[in-house]
Amino acid sequence: MTWGAGEWGTNMKNTITILGHKLKRDKDMGSYFTTIEAEPYDTGKHHFRPKHRIIYVSGEMYPGTEKNFIYITSEIMGELRLYRHRYWYSTGMGNIFASGKTLDEAIEEFSYNLKHKIYNRQ
């Protein structure tokens, strides 16, 4: 699948595949989305119960300009209870991000980051 920067808006497919996971197209937003099984994620002393990992592929940002790019973001959704606290709350952890001038570039970088569990850390 080859997507040039100018082709993103006109030749979009209904699904794309990243590491064997199919992402469905949201026709209203021009983006792709799916949920997959979550991997364990270490939060130190805090208690985290992962539910699933979401993957989101954006539509083309700044189409038709030199600043155009596409990004892919993903995080584990679950419940967190801070160490020695009483209440659980829903949150996202373990963000993985990639971007590129074309969809192929973004998918290649994201696939590598997801496969090797390269998380964004603050």
PDB file of N, CA and C in Angstrom:
ATOM      1  N   MET A   1       0.857  -1.165   0.000  1.00  0.00           N
ATOM      2  CA  MET A   1       0.000   0.000   0.000  1.00  0.00           C
ATOM      3  C   MET A   1       0.901   1.224   0.000  1.00  0.00           C
ATOM      4  N   THR A   2       0.779   2.055  -0.981  1.00  0.00           N
ATOM      5  CA  THR A   2       1.556   3.285  -1.052  1.00  0.00           C
ATOM      6  C   THR A   2       0.610   4.460  -1.051  1.00  0.00           C
ATOM      7  N   TRP A   3       0.837   5.366  -0.125  1.00  0.00           N
ATOM      8  CA  TRP A   3       0.015   6.557   0.006  1.00  0.00           C
ATOM      9  C   TRP A   3       0.924   7.757  -0.102  1.00  0.00           C
ATOM     10  N   GLY A   4       0.773   8.561  -1.114  1.00  0.00           N
ATOM     11  CA  GLY A   4       1.500   9.818  -1.174  1.00  0.00           C
ATOM     12  C   GLY A   4       0.762  10.851  -0.352  1.00  0.00           C
ATOM     13  N   ALA A   5       1.441  11.924   0.034  1.00  0.00           N
ATOM     14  CA  ALA A   5       0.838  12.934   0.901  1.00  0.00           C
ATOM     15  C   ALA A   5      -0.419  13.533   0.285  1.00  0.00           C
ATOM     16  N   GLY A   6      -0.429  13.755  -1.022  1.00  0.00           N
ATOM     17  CA  GLY A   6      -1.591  14.343  -1.662  1.00  0.00           C
ATOM     18  C   GLY A   6      -2.712  13.356  -1.901  1.00  0.00           C
ATOM     19  N   GLU A   7      -2.436  12.062  -1.810  1.00  0.00           N
ATOM     20  CA  GLU A   7      -3.437  11.037  -2.093  1.00  0.00           C
ATOM     21  C   GLU A   7      -4.271  10.679  -0.865  1.00  0.00           C
ATOM     22  N   TRP A   8      -3.860  11.092   0.299  1.00  0.00           N
ATOM     23  CA  TRP A   8      -4.501  10.656   1.542  1.00  0.00           C
ATOM     24  C   TRP A   8      -6.001  10.906   1.551  1.00  0.00           C
ATOM     25  N   GLY A   9      -6.426  12.085   1.170  1.00  0.00           N
ATOM     26  CA  GLY A   9      -7.843  12.417   1.238  1.00  0.00           C
ATOM     27  C   GLY A   9      -8.695  11.760   0.176  1.00  0.00           C
ATOM     28  N   THR A  10      -8.128  11.412  -0.967  1.00  0.00           N
ATOM     29  CA  THR A  10      -8.936  10.926  -2.077  1.00  0.00           C
ATOM     30  C   THR A  10      -8.935   9.411  -2.253  1.00  0.00           C
ATOM     31  N   ASN A  11      -7.885   8.726  -1.854  1.00  0.00           N
ATOM     32  CA  ASN A  11      -7.782   7.289  -2.090  1.00  0.00           C
ATOM     33  C   ASN A  11      -7.792   6.477  -0.800  1.00  0.00           C
ATOM     34  N   MET A  12      -8.583   6.872   0.163  1.00  0.00           N
ATOM     35  CA  MET A  12      -8.581   6.183   1.453  1.00  0.00           C
ATOM     36  C   MET A  12      -9.297   4.843   1.354  1.00  0.00           C
ATOM     37  N   LYS A  13      -8.724   3.826   1.975  1.00  0.00           N
ATOM     38  CA  LYS A  13      -9.344   2.516   2.026  1.00  0.00           C
ATOM     39  C   LYS A  13     -10.208   2.430   3.273  1.00  0.00           C
ATOM     40  N   ASN A  14     -11.106   1.434   3.318  1.00  0.00           N
ATOM     41  CA  ASN A  14     -11.980   1.272   4.479  1.00  0.00           C
ATOM     42  C   ASN A  14     -11.258   0.680   5.676  1.00  0.00           C
ATOM     43  N   THR A  15     -10.187  -0.091   5.437  1.00  0.00           N
ATOM     44  CA  THR A  15      -9.390  -0.643   6.527  1.00  0.00           C
ATOM     45  C   THR A  15      -7.910  -0.566   6.161  1.00  0.00           C
ATOM     46  N   ILE A  16      -7.063  -0.477   7.191  1.00  0.00           N
ATOM     47  CA  ILE A  16      -5.627  -0.640   7.028  1.00  0.00           C
ATOM     48  C   ILE A  16      -5.182  -1.643   8.076  1.00  0.00           C
ATOM     49  N   THR A  17      -3.997  -2.218   7.916  1.00  0.00           N
ATOM     50  CA  THR A  17      -3.494  -3.221   8.845  1.00  0.00           C
ATOM     51  C   THR A  17      -2.145  -2.784   9.394  1.00  0.00           C
ATOM     52  N   ILE A  18      -2.017  -2.862  10.726  1.00  0.00           N
ATOM     53  CA  ILE A  18      -0.760  -2.569  11.403  1.00  0.00           C
ATOM     54  C   ILE A  18      -0.426  -3.764  12.284  1.00  0.00           C
ATOM     55  N   LEU A  19       0.686  -4.438  11.988  1.00  0.00           N
ATOM     56  CA  LEU A  19       1.128  -5.623  12.738  1.00  0.00           C
ATOM     57  C   LEU A  19       0.009  -6.644  12.903  1.00  0.00           C
ATOM     58  N   GLY A  20      -0.751  -6.868  11.844  1.00  0.00           N
ATOM     59  CA  GLY A  20      -1.819  -7.869  11.862  1.00  0.00           C
ATOM     60  C   GLY A  20      -3.132  -7.399  12.466  1.00  0.00           C
ATOM     61  N   HIS A  21      -3.197  -6.162  12.909  1.00  0.00           N
ATOM     62  CA  HIS A  21      -4.420  -5.619  13.498  1.00  0.00           C
ATOM     63  C   HIS A  21      -5.105  -4.719  12.472  1.00  0.00           C
ATOM     64  N   LYS A  22      -6.382  -4.992  12.199  1.00  0.00           N
ATOM     65  CA  LYS A  22      -7.133  -4.190  11.232  1.00  0.00           C
ATOM     66  C   LYS A  22      -7.721  -2.962  11.906  1.00  0.00           C
ATOM     67  N   LEU A  23      -7.532  -1.815  11.268  1.00  0.00           N
ATOM     68  CA  LEU A  23      -8.106  -0.561  11.745  1.00  0.00           C
ATOM     69  C   LEU A  23      -9.183  -0.147  10.764  1.00  0.00           C
ATOM     70  N   LYS A  24     -10.352   0.210  11.282  1.00  0.00           N
ATOM     71  CA  LYS A  24     -11.463   0.623  10.436  1.00  0.00           C
ATOM     72  C   LYS A  24     -11.472   2.130  10.271  1.00  0.00           C
ATOM     73  N   ARG A  25     -11.923   2.565   9.127  1.00  0.00           N
ATOM     74  CA  ARG A  25     -11.965   3.992   8.796  1.00  0.00           C
ATOM     75  C   ARG A  25     -13.213   4.652   9.361  1.00  0.00           C
ATOM     76  N   ASP A  26     -13.034   5.805   9.967  1.00  0.00           N
ATOM     77  CA  ASP A  26     -14.137   6.658  10.396  1.00  0.00           C
ATOM     78  C   ASP A  26     -14.349   7.671   9.280  1.00  0.00           C
ATOM     79  N   LYS A  27     -15.391   7.488   8.496  1.00  0.00           N
ATOM     80  CA  LYS A  27     -15.614   8.320   7.308  1.00  0.00           C
ATOM     81  C   LYS A  27     -15.829   9.786   7.643  1.00  0.00           C
ATOM     82  N   ASP A  28     -16.411  10.070   8.806  1.00  0.00           N
ATOM     83  CA  ASP A  28     -16.662  11.468   9.191  1.00  0.00           C
ATOM     84  C   ASP A  28     -15.378  12.202   9.534  1.00  0.00           C
ATOM     85  N   MET A  29     -14.430  11.521  10.176  1.00  0.00           N
ATOM     86  CA  MET A  29     -13.201  12.166  10.646  1.00  0.00           C
ATOM     87  C   MET A  29     -12.018  11.968   9.696  1.00  0.00           C
ATOM     88  N   GLY A  30     -12.088  10.998   8.788  1.00  0.00           N
ATOM     89  CA  GLY A  30     -10.964  10.732   7.899  1.00  0.00           C
ATOM     90  C   GLY A  30      -9.804  10.065   8.614  1.00  0.00           C
ATOM     91  N   SER A  31     -10.121   9.284   9.647  1.00  0.00           N
ATOM     92  CA  SER A  31      -9.084   8.642  10.448  1.00  0.00           C
ATOM     93  C   SER A  31      -9.417   7.163  10.620  1.00  0.00           C
ATOM     94  N   TYR A  32      -8.517   6.433  11.270  1.00  0.00           N
ATOM     95  CA  TYR A  32      -8.695   5.010  11.522  1.00  0.00           C
ATOM     96  C   TYR A  32      -8.585   4.742  13.018  1.00  0.00           C
ATOM     97  N   PHE A  33      -9.258   3.668  13.496  1.00  0.00           N
ATOM     98  CA  PHE A  33      -9.291   3.384  14.915  1.00  0.00           C
ATOM     99  C   PHE A  33      -9.518   1.897  15.149  1.00  0.00           C
ATOM    100  N   THR A  34      -8.921   1.363  16.223  1.00  0.00           N
ATOM    101  CA  THR A  34      -9.211  -0.002  16.660  1.00  0.00           C
ATOM    102  C   THR A  34      -8.798  -0.166  18.116  1.00  0.00           C
ATOM    103  N   THR A  35      -9.245  -1.251  18.720  1.00  0.00           N
ATOM    104  CA  THR A  35      -8.766  -1.642  20.044  1.00  0.00           C
ATOM    105  C   THR A  35      -8.167  -3.037  19.919  1.00  0.00           C
ATOM    106  N   ILE A  36      -7.095  -3.284  20.678  1.00  0.00           N
ATOM    107  CA  ILE A  36      -6.436  -4.589  20.681  1.00  0.00           C
ATOM    108  C   ILE A  36      -6.190  -4.988  22.129  1.00  0.00           C
ATOM    109  N   GLU A  37      -5.712  -6.195  22.328  1.00  0.00           N
ATOM    110  CA  GLU A  37      -5.409  -6.672  23.665  1.00  0.00           C
ATOM    111  C   GLU A  37      -4.249  -5.865  24.251  1.00  0.00           C
ATOM    112  N   ALA A  38      -4.360  -5.536  25.517  1.00  0.00           N
ATOM    113  CA  ALA A  38      -3.323  -4.745  26.182  1.00  0.00           C
ATOM    114  C   ALA A  38      -2.235  -5.647  26.758  1.00  0.00           C
ATOM    115  N   GLU A  39      -1.010  -5.149  26.709  1.00  0.00           N
ATOM    116  CA  GLU A  39       0.103  -5.835  27.346  1.00  0.00           C
ATOM    117  C   GLU A  39       0.223  -5.349  28.790  1.00  0.00           C
ATOM    118  N   PRO A  40       0.890  -6.112  29.658  1.00  0.00           N
ATOM    119  CA  PRO A  40       1.115  -5.628  31.020  1.00  0.00           C
ATOM    120  C   PRO A  40       1.950  -4.343  30.994  1.00  0.00           C
ATOM    121  N   TYR A  41       1.703  -3.440  31.926  1.00  0.00           N
ATOM    122  CA  TYR A  41       2.428  -2.177  31.981  1.00  0.00           C
ATOM    123  C   TYR A  41       2.790  -1.883  33.432  1.00  0.00           C
ATOM    124  N   ASP A  42       4.074  -1.669  33.693  1.00  0.00           N
ATOM    125  CA  ASP A  42       4.569  -1.455  35.051  1.00  0.00           C
ATOM    126  C   ASP A  42       4.334  -0.022  35.505  1.00  0.00           C
ATOM    127  N   THR A  43       3.624   0.141  36.620  1.00  0.00           N
ATOM    128  CA  THR A  43       3.398   1.464  37.201  1.00  0.00           C
ATOM    129  C   THR A  43       4.059   1.591  38.565  1.00  0.00           C
ATOM    130  N   GLY A  44       5.041   0.755  38.827  1.00  0.00           N
ATOM    131  CA  GLY A  44       5.746   0.833  40.103  1.00  0.00           C
ATOM    132  C   GLY A  44       4.863   0.371  41.246  1.00  0.00           C
ATOM    133  N   LYS A  45       4.757   1.186  42.294  1.00  0.00           N
ATOM    134  CA  LYS A  45       3.971   0.829  43.477  1.00  0.00           C
ATOM    135  C   LYS A  45       2.466   0.937  43.249  1.00  0.00           C
ATOM    136  N   HIS A  46       2.065   1.670  42.217  1.00  0.00           N
ATOM    137  CA  HIS A  46       0.642   1.841  41.943  1.00  0.00           C
ATOM    138  C   HIS A  46       0.065   0.555  41.354  1.00  0.00           C
ATOM    139  N   HIS A  47      -1.242   0.383  41.455  1.00  0.00           N
ATOM    140  CA  HIS A  47      -1.914  -0.798  40.921  1.00  0.00           C
ATOM    141  C   HIS A  47      -2.629  -0.411  39.630  1.00  0.00           C
ATOM    142  N   PHE A  48      -2.306  -1.107  38.532  1.00  0.00           N
ATOM    143  CA  PHE A  48      -2.910  -0.816  37.231  1.00  0.00           C
ATOM    144  C   PHE A  48      -3.478  -2.091  36.650  1.00  0.00           C
ATOM    145  N   ARG A  49      -4.774  -2.047  36.250  1.00  0.00           N
ATOM    146  CA  ARG A  49      -5.440  -3.169  35.599  1.00  0.00           C
ATOM    147  C   ARG A  49      -5.729  -2.776  34.154  1.00  0.00           C
ATOM    148  N   PRO A  50      -4.903  -3.245  33.196  1.00  0.00           N
ATOM    149  CA  PRO A  50      -5.131  -2.895  31.795  1.00  0.00           C
ATOM    150  C   PRO A  50      -6.367  -3.582  31.242  1.00  0.00           C
ATOM    151  N   LYS A  51      -7.107  -2.865  30.389  1.00  0.00           N
ATOM    152  CA  LYS A  51      -8.294  -3.437  29.742  1.00  0.00           C
ATOM    153  C   LYS A  51      -8.033  -3.699  28.263  1.00  0.00           C
ATOM    154  N   HIS A  52      -7.594  -2.685  27.533  1.00  0.00           N
ATOM    155  CA  HIS A  52      -7.300  -2.831  26.115  1.00  0.00           C
ATOM    156  C   HIS A  52      -6.391  -1.676  25.667  1.00  0.00           C
ATOM    157  N   ARG A  53      -5.780  -1.841  24.506  1.00  0.00           N
ATOM    158  CA  ARG A  53      -4.964  -0.781  23.906  1.00  0.00           C
ATOM    159  C   ARG A  53      -5.743  -0.204  22.733  1.00  0.00           C
ATOM    160  N   ILE A  54      -5.823   1.117  22.668  1.00  0.00           N
ATOM    161  CA  ILE A  54      -6.461   1.772  21.531  1.00  0.00           C
ATOM    162  C   ILE A  54      -5.378   2.238  20.569  1.00  0.00           C
ATOM    163  N   ILE A  55      -5.681   2.185  19.282  1.00  0.00           N
ATOM    164  CA  ILE A  55      -4.776   2.696  18.243  1.00  0.00           C
ATOM    165  C   ILE A  55      -5.581   3.652  17.383  1.00  0.00           C
ATOM    166  N   TYR A  56      -5.047   4.848  17.181  1.00  0.00           N
ATOM    167  CA  TYR A  56      -5.712   5.887  16.385  1.00  0.00           C
ATOM    168  C   TYR A  56      -4.741   6.407  15.325  1.00  0.00           C
ATOM    169  N   VAL A  57      -5.190   6.410  14.070  1.00  0.00           N
ATOM    170  CA  VAL A  57      -4.418   6.963  12.959  1.00  0.00           C
ATOM    171  C   VAL A  57      -5.149   8.200  12.482  1.00  0.00           C
ATOM    172  N   SER A  58      -4.471   9.339  12.516  1.00  0.00           N
ATOM    173  CA  SER A  58      -5.106  10.603  12.128  1.00  0.00           C
ATOM    174  C   SER A  58      -5.290  10.685  10.626  1.00  0.00           C
ATOM    175  N   GLY A  59      -6.130  11.608  10.213  1.00  0.00           N
ATOM    176  CA  GLY A  59      -6.181  11.997   8.821  1.00  0.00           C
ATOM    177  C   GLY A  59      -4.966  12.874   8.541  1.00  0.00           C
ATOM    178  N   GLU A  60      -4.773  13.267   7.321  1.00  0.00           N
ATOM    179  CA  GLU A  60      -3.626  14.103   6.980  1.00  0.00           C
ATOM    180  C   GLU A  60      -3.783  15.487   7.606  1.00  0.00           C
ATOM    181  N   MET A  61      -2.762  15.921   8.296  1.00  0.00           N
ATOM    182  CA  MET A  61      -2.734  17.238   8.908  1.00  0.00           C
ATOM    183  C   MET A  61      -2.100  18.209   7.912  1.00  0.00           C
ATOM    184  N   TYR A  62      -2.656  19.393   7.761  1.00  0.00           N
ATOM    185  CA  TYR A  62      -2.191  20.421   6.818  1.00  0.00           C
ATOM    186  C   TYR A  62      -2.065  19.881   5.389  1.00  0.00           C
ATOM    187  N   PRO A  63      -3.137  19.291   4.843  1.00  0.00           N
ATOM    188  CA  PRO A  63      -3.051  18.686   3.502  1.00  0.00           C
ATOM    189  C   PRO A  63      -2.711  19.725   2.436  1.00  0.00           C
ATOM    190  N   GLY A  64      -1.912  19.290   1.475  1.00  0.00           N
ATOM    191  CA  GLY A  64      -1.550  20.148   0.350  1.00  0.00           C
ATOM    192  C   GLY A  64      -0.492  21.194   0.665  1.00  0.00           C
ATOM    193  N   THR A  65       0.104  21.141   1.849  1.00  0.00           N
ATOM    194  CA  THR A  65       1.162  22.085   2.200  1.00  0.00           C
ATOM    195  C   THR A  65       2.452  21.323   2.467  1.00  0.00           C
ATOM    196  N   GLU A  66       3.533  22.049   2.640  1.00  0.00           N
ATOM    197  CA  GLU A  66       4.815  21.413   2.958  1.00  0.00           C
ATOM    198  C   GLU A  66       4.858  20.910   4.397  1.00  0.00           C
ATOM    199  N   LYS A  67       3.939  21.389   5.240  1.00  0.00           N
ATOM    200  CA  LYS A  67       3.913  20.982   6.646  1.00  0.00           C
ATOM    201  C   LYS A  67       3.082  19.722   6.868  1.00  0.00           C
ATOM    202  N   ASN A  68       2.550  19.098   5.814  1.00  0.00           N
ATOM    203  CA  ASN A  68       1.647  17.963   5.980  1.00  0.00           C
ATOM    204  C   ASN A  68       2.321  16.807   6.721  1.00  0.00           C
ATOM    205  N   PHE A  69       1.533  16.086   7.517  1.00  0.00           N
ATOM    206  CA  PHE A  69       2.004  14.883   8.194  1.00  0.00           C
ATOM    207  C   PHE A  69       0.803  14.070   8.659  1.00  0.00           C
ATOM    208  N   ILE A  70       1.074  12.824   9.035  1.00  0.00           N
ATOM    209  CA  ILE A  70       0.082  11.910   9.574  1.00  0.00           C
ATOM    210  C   ILE A  70       0.660  11.369  10.875  1.00  0.00           C
ATOM    211  N   TYR A  71      -0.163  11.245  11.912  1.00  0.00           N
ATOM    212  CA  TYR A  71       0.352  10.685  13.155  1.00  0.00           C
ATOM    213  C   TYR A  71      -0.484   9.489  13.597  1.00  0.00           C
ATOM    214  N   ILE A  72       0.163   8.629  14.378  1.00  0.00           N
ATOM    215  CA  ILE A  72      -0.486   7.458  14.957  1.00  0.00           C
ATOM    216  C   ILE A  72      -0.192   7.500  16.451  1.00  0.00           C
ATOM    217  N   THR A  73      -1.226   7.343  17.245  1.00  0.00           N
ATOM    218  CA  THR A  73      -1.045   7.327  18.693  1.00  0.00           C
ATOM    219  C   THR A  73      -1.782   6.132  19.273  1.00  0.00           C
ATOM    220  N   SER A  74      -1.314   5.677  20.414  1.00  0.00           N
ATOM    221  CA  SER A  74      -1.884   4.487  21.027  1.00  0.00           C
ATOM    222  C   SER A  74      -1.614   4.517  22.518  1.00  0.00           C
ATOM    223  N   GLU A  75      -2.578   4.063  23.314  1.00  0.00           N
ATOM    224  CA  GLU A  75      -2.333   3.934  24.747  1.00  0.00           C
ATOM    225  C   GLU A  75      -3.169   2.816  25.334  1.00  0.00           C
ATOM    226  N   ILE A  76      -2.728   2.340  26.485  1.00  0.00           N
ATOM    227  CA  ILE A  76      -3.427   1.281  27.200  1.00  0.00           C
ATOM    228  C   ILE A  76      -4.473   1.936  28.091  1.00  0.00           C
ATOM    229  N   MET A  77      -5.708   1.541  27.931  1.00  0.00           N
ATOM    230  CA  MET A  77      -6.792   2.033  28.783  1.00  0.00           C
ATOM    231  C   MET A  77      -7.011   1.013  29.906  1.00  0.00           C
ATOM    232  N   GLY A  78      -7.238   1.526  31.106  1.00  0.00           N
ATOM    233  CA  GLY A  78      -7.451   0.625  32.230  1.00  0.00           C
ATOM    234  C   GLY A  78      -7.829   1.387  33.479  1.00  0.00           C
ATOM    235  N   GLU A  79      -7.714   0.703  34.600  1.00  0.00           N
ATOM    236  CA  GLU A  79      -8.041   1.299  35.892  1.00  0.00           C
ATOM    237  C   GLU A  79      -6.786   1.375  36.744  1.00  0.00           C
ATOM    238  N   LEU A  80      -6.622   2.508  37.444  1.00  0.00           N
ATOM    239  CA  LEU A  80      -5.446   2.759  38.263  1.00  0.00           C
ATOM    240  C   LEU A  80      -5.861   3.097  39.684  1.00  0.00           C
ATOM    241  N   ARG A  81      -5.142   2.515  40.640  1.00  0.00           N
ATOM    242  CA  ARG A  81      -5.285   2.898  42.045  1.00  0.00           C
ATOM    243  C   ARG A  81      -3.902   3.265  42.539  1.00  0.00           C
ATOM    244  N   LEU A  82      -3.728   4.501  42.947  1.00  0.00           N
ATOM    245  CA  LEU A  82      -2.439   4.957  43.433  1.00  0.00           C
ATOM    246  C   LEU A  82      -2.060   4.236  44.724  1.00  0.00           C
ATOM    247  N   TYR A  83      -0.784   4.084  44.950  1.00  0.00           N
ATOM    248  CA  TYR A  83      -0.262   3.405  46.125  1.00  0.00           C
ATOM    249  C   TYR A  83      -0.844   4.005  47.400  1.00  0.00           C
ATOM    250  N   ARG A  84      -1.390   3.147  48.236  1.00  0.00           N
ATOM    251  CA  ARG A  84      -2.005   3.504  49.516  1.00  0.00           C
ATOM    252  C   ARG A  84      -3.223   4.421  49.389  1.00  0.00           C
ATOM    253  N   HIS A  85      -3.828   4.416  48.222  1.00  0.00           N
ATOM    254  CA  HIS A  85      -5.078   5.156  48.048  1.00  0.00           C
ATOM    255  C   HIS A  85      -6.220   4.158  47.978  1.00  0.00           C
ATOM    256  N   ARG A  86      -7.411   4.642  48.149  1.00  0.00           N
ATOM    257  CA  ARG A  86      -8.566   3.773  48.264  1.00  0.00           C
ATOM    258  C   ARG A  86      -9.322   3.589  46.945  1.00  0.00           C
ATOM    259  N   TYR A  87      -9.353   4.601  46.109  1.00  0.00           N
ATOM    260  CA  TYR A  87     -10.249   4.589  44.954  1.00  0.00           C
ATOM    261  C   TYR A  87      -9.527   4.283  43.643  1.00  0.00           C
ATOM    262  N   TRP A  88     -10.243   3.602  42.765  1.00  0.00           N
ATOM    263  CA  TRP A  88      -9.782   3.293  41.416  1.00  0.00           C
ATOM    264  C   TRP A  88     -10.354   4.333  40.464  1.00  0.00           C
ATOM    265  N   TYR A  89      -9.643   4.653  39.395  1.00  0.00           N
ATOM    266  CA  TYR A  89     -10.192   5.516  38.367  1.00  0.00           C
ATOM    267  C   TYR A  89      -9.681   5.087  36.990  1.00  0.00           C
ATOM    268  N   SER A  90     -10.435   5.424  35.958  1.00  0.00           N
ATOM    269  CA  SER A  90     -10.080   5.062  34.586  1.00  0.00           C
ATOM    270  C   SER A  90      -9.020   6.016  34.050  1.00  0.00           C
ATOM    271  N   THR A  91      -8.057   5.462  33.337  1.00  0.00           N
ATOM    272  CA  THR A  91      -6.974   6.277  32.791  1.00  0.00           C
ATOM    273  C   THR A  91      -6.320   5.574  31.616  1.00  0.00           C
ATOM    274  N   GLY A  92      -5.455   6.288  30.939  1.00  0.00           N
ATOM    275  CA  GLY A  92      -4.646   5.736  29.863  1.00  0.00           C
ATOM    276  C   GLY A  92      -3.180   5.765  30.251  1.00  0.00           C
ATOM    277  N   MET A  93      -2.443   4.733  29.894  1.00  0.00           N
ATOM    278  CA  MET A  93      -1.012   4.606  30.219  1.00  0.00           C
ATOM    279  C   MET A  93      -0.281   4.062  29.001  1.00  0.00           C
ATOM    280  N   GLY A  94       1.019   4.146  29.019  1.00  0.00           N
ATOM    281  CA  GLY A  94       1.846   3.480  28.011  1.00  0.00           C
ATOM    282  C   GLY A  94       1.629   3.992  26.607  1.00  0.00           C
ATOM    283  N   ASN A  95       1.662   5.313  26.423  1.00  0.00           N
ATOM    284  CA  ASN A  95       1.447   5.903  25.104  1.00  0.00           C
ATOM    285  C   ASN A  95       2.592   5.562  24.159  1.00  0.00           C
ATOM    286  N   ILE A  96       2.239   5.186  22.943  1.00  0.00           N
ATOM    287  CA  ILE A  96       3.202   4.963  21.863  1.00  0.00           C
ATOM    288  C   ILE A  96       2.780   5.868  20.720  1.00  0.00           C
ATOM    289  N   PHE A  97       3.735   6.589  20.119  1.00  0.00           N
ATOM    290  CA  PHE A  97       3.433   7.607  19.123  1.00  0.00           C
ATOM    291  C   PHE A  97       4.388   7.486  17.944  1.00  0.00           C
ATOM    292  N   ALA A  98       3.894   7.851  16.758  1.00  0.00           N
ATOM    293  CA  ALA A  98       4.731   7.924  15.561  1.00  0.00           C
ATOM    294  C   ALA A  98       4.094   8.895  14.585  1.00  0.00           C
ATOM    295  N   SER A  99       4.918   9.485  13.721  1.00  0.00           N
ATOM    296  CA  SER A  99       4.390  10.372  12.684  1.00  0.00           C
ATOM    297  C   SER A  99       5.278  10.273  11.452  1.00  0.00           C
ATOM    298  N   GLY A 100       4.745  10.734  10.330  1.00  0.00           N
ATOM    299  CA  GLY A 100       5.495  10.730   9.091  1.00  0.00           C
ATOM    300  C   GLY A 100       4.816  11.566   8.034  1.00  0.00           C
ATOM    301  N   LYS A 101       5.551  11.870   6.980  1.00  0.00           N
ATOM    302  CA  LYS A 101       4.996  12.642   5.861  1.00  0.00           C
ATOM    303  C   LYS A 101       3.935  11.837   5.115  1.00  0.00           C
ATOM    304  N   THR A 102       4.094  10.520   5.105  1.00  0.00           N
ATOM    305  CA  THR A 102       3.116   9.649   4.442  1.00  0.00           C
ATOM    306  C   THR A 102       2.599   8.627   5.442  1.00  0.00           C
ATOM    307  N   LEU A 103       1.508   7.981   5.098  1.00  0.00           N
ATOM    308  CA  LEU A 103       0.951   6.937   5.949  1.00  0.00           C
ATOM    309  C   LEU A 103       1.940   5.791   6.101  1.00  0.00           C
ATOM    310  N   ASP A 104       2.628   5.422   5.023  1.00  0.00           N
ATOM    311  CA  ASP A 104       3.614   4.339   5.097  1.00  0.00           C
ATOM    312  C   ASP A 104       4.722   4.643   6.097  1.00  0.00           C
ATOM    313  N   GLU A 105       5.244   5.871   6.097  1.00  0.00           N
ATOM    314  CA  GLU A 105       6.288   6.268   7.054  1.00  0.00           C
ATOM    315  C   GLU A 105       5.776   6.165   8.481  1.00  0.00           C
ATOM    316  N   ALA A 106       4.579   6.677   8.726  1.00  0.00           N
ATOM    317  CA  ALA A 106       4.012   6.650  10.070  1.00  0.00           C
ATOM    318  C   ALA A 106       3.777   5.213  10.536  1.00  0.00           C
ATOM    319  N   ILE A 107       3.252   4.362   9.653  1.00  0.00           N
ATOM    320  CA  ILE A 107       2.998   2.962  10.009  1.00  0.00           C
ATOM    321  C   ILE A 107       4.304   2.239  10.303  1.00  0.00           C
ATOM    322  N   GLU A 108       5.329   2.474   9.506  1.00  0.00           N
ATOM    323  CA  GLU A 108       6.627   1.817   9.726  1.00  0.00           C
ATOM    324  C   GLU A 108       7.210   2.196  11.092  1.00  0.00           C
ATOM    325  N   GLU A 109       7.209   3.484  11.415  1.00  0.00           N
ATOM    326  CA  GLU A 109       7.743   3.932  12.698  1.00  0.00           C
ATOM    327  C   GLU A 109       6.888   3.414  13.858  1.00  0.00           C
ATOM    328  N   PHE A 110       5.557   3.493  13.713  1.00  0.00           N
ATOM    329  CA  PHE A 110       4.672   3.029  14.774  1.00  0.00           C
ATOM    330  C   PHE A 110       4.808   1.526  14.996  1.00  0.00           C
ATOM    331  N   SER A 111       4.876   0.751  13.929  1.00  0.00           N
ATOM    332  CA  SER A 111       5.020  -0.701  14.049  1.00  0.00           C
ATOM    333  C   SER A 111       6.283  -1.058  14.828  1.00  0.00           C
ATOM    334  N   TYR A 112       7.379  -0.371  14.523  1.00  0.00           N
ATOM    335  CA  TYR A 112       8.633  -0.606  15.241  1.00  0.00           C
ATOM    336  C   TYR A 112       8.470  -0.268  16.721  1.00  0.00           C
ATOM    337  N   ASN A 113       7.893   0.904  17.012  1.00  0.00           N
ATOM    338  CA  ASN A 113       7.718   1.334  18.401  1.00  0.00           C
ATOM    339  C   ASN A 113       6.794   0.387  19.172  1.00  0.00           C
ATOM    340  N   LEU A 114       5.714  -0.066  18.545  1.00  0.00           N
ATOM    341  CA  LEU A 114       4.781  -0.969  19.210  1.00  0.00           C
ATOM    342  C   LEU A 114       5.413  -2.341  19.437  1.00  0.00           C
ATOM    343  N   LYS A 115       6.088  -2.839  18.425  1.00  0.00           N
ATOM    344  CA  LYS A 115       6.721  -4.160  18.518  1.00  0.00           C
ATOM    345  C   LYS A 115       7.783  -4.188  19.613  1.00  0.00           C
ATOM    346  N   HIS A 116       8.548  -3.105  19.740  1.00  0.00           N
ATOM    347  CA  HIS A 116       9.634  -3.037  20.717  1.00  0.00           C
ATOM    348  C   HIS A 116       9.238  -2.327  22.012  1.00  0.00           C
ATOM    349  N   LYS A 117       7.951  -1.987  22.149  1.00  0.00           N
ATOM    350  CA  LYS A 117       7.410  -1.325  23.359  1.00  0.00           C
ATOM    351  C   LYS A 117       8.220  -0.079  23.708  1.00  0.00           C
ATOM    352  N   ILE A 118       8.371   0.808  22.739  1.00  0.00           N
ATOM    353  CA  ILE A 118       9.048   2.092  22.953  1.00  0.00           C
ATOM    354  C   ILE A 118       7.967   3.103  23.321  1.00  0.00           C
ATOM    355  N   TYR A 119       7.852   3.374  24.619  1.00  0.00           N
ATOM    356  CA  TYR A 119       6.815   4.248  25.148  1.00  0.00           C
ATOM    357  C   TYR A 119       7.296   5.694  25.180  1.00  0.00           C
ATOM    358  N   ASN A 120       6.342   6.631  25.067  1.00  0.00           N
ATOM    359  CA  ASN A 120       6.636   8.046  25.297  1.00  0.00           C
ATOM    360  C   ASN A 120       6.672   8.243  26.800  1.00  0.00           C
ATOM    361  N   ARG A 121       7.720   8.829  27.281  1.00  0.00           N
ATOM    362  CA  ARG A 121       7.847   9.076  28.721  1.00  0.00           C
ATOM    363  C   ARG A 121       8.098  10.559  28.929  1.00  0.00           C
ATOM    364  N   GLN A 122       7.558  11.114  30.016  1.00  0.00           N
ATOM    365  CA  GLN A 122       7.790  12.511  30.345  1.00  0.00           C
ATOM    366  C   GLN A 122       9.018  12.640  31.202  1.00  0.00           C
TER     367      GLN A 122
END
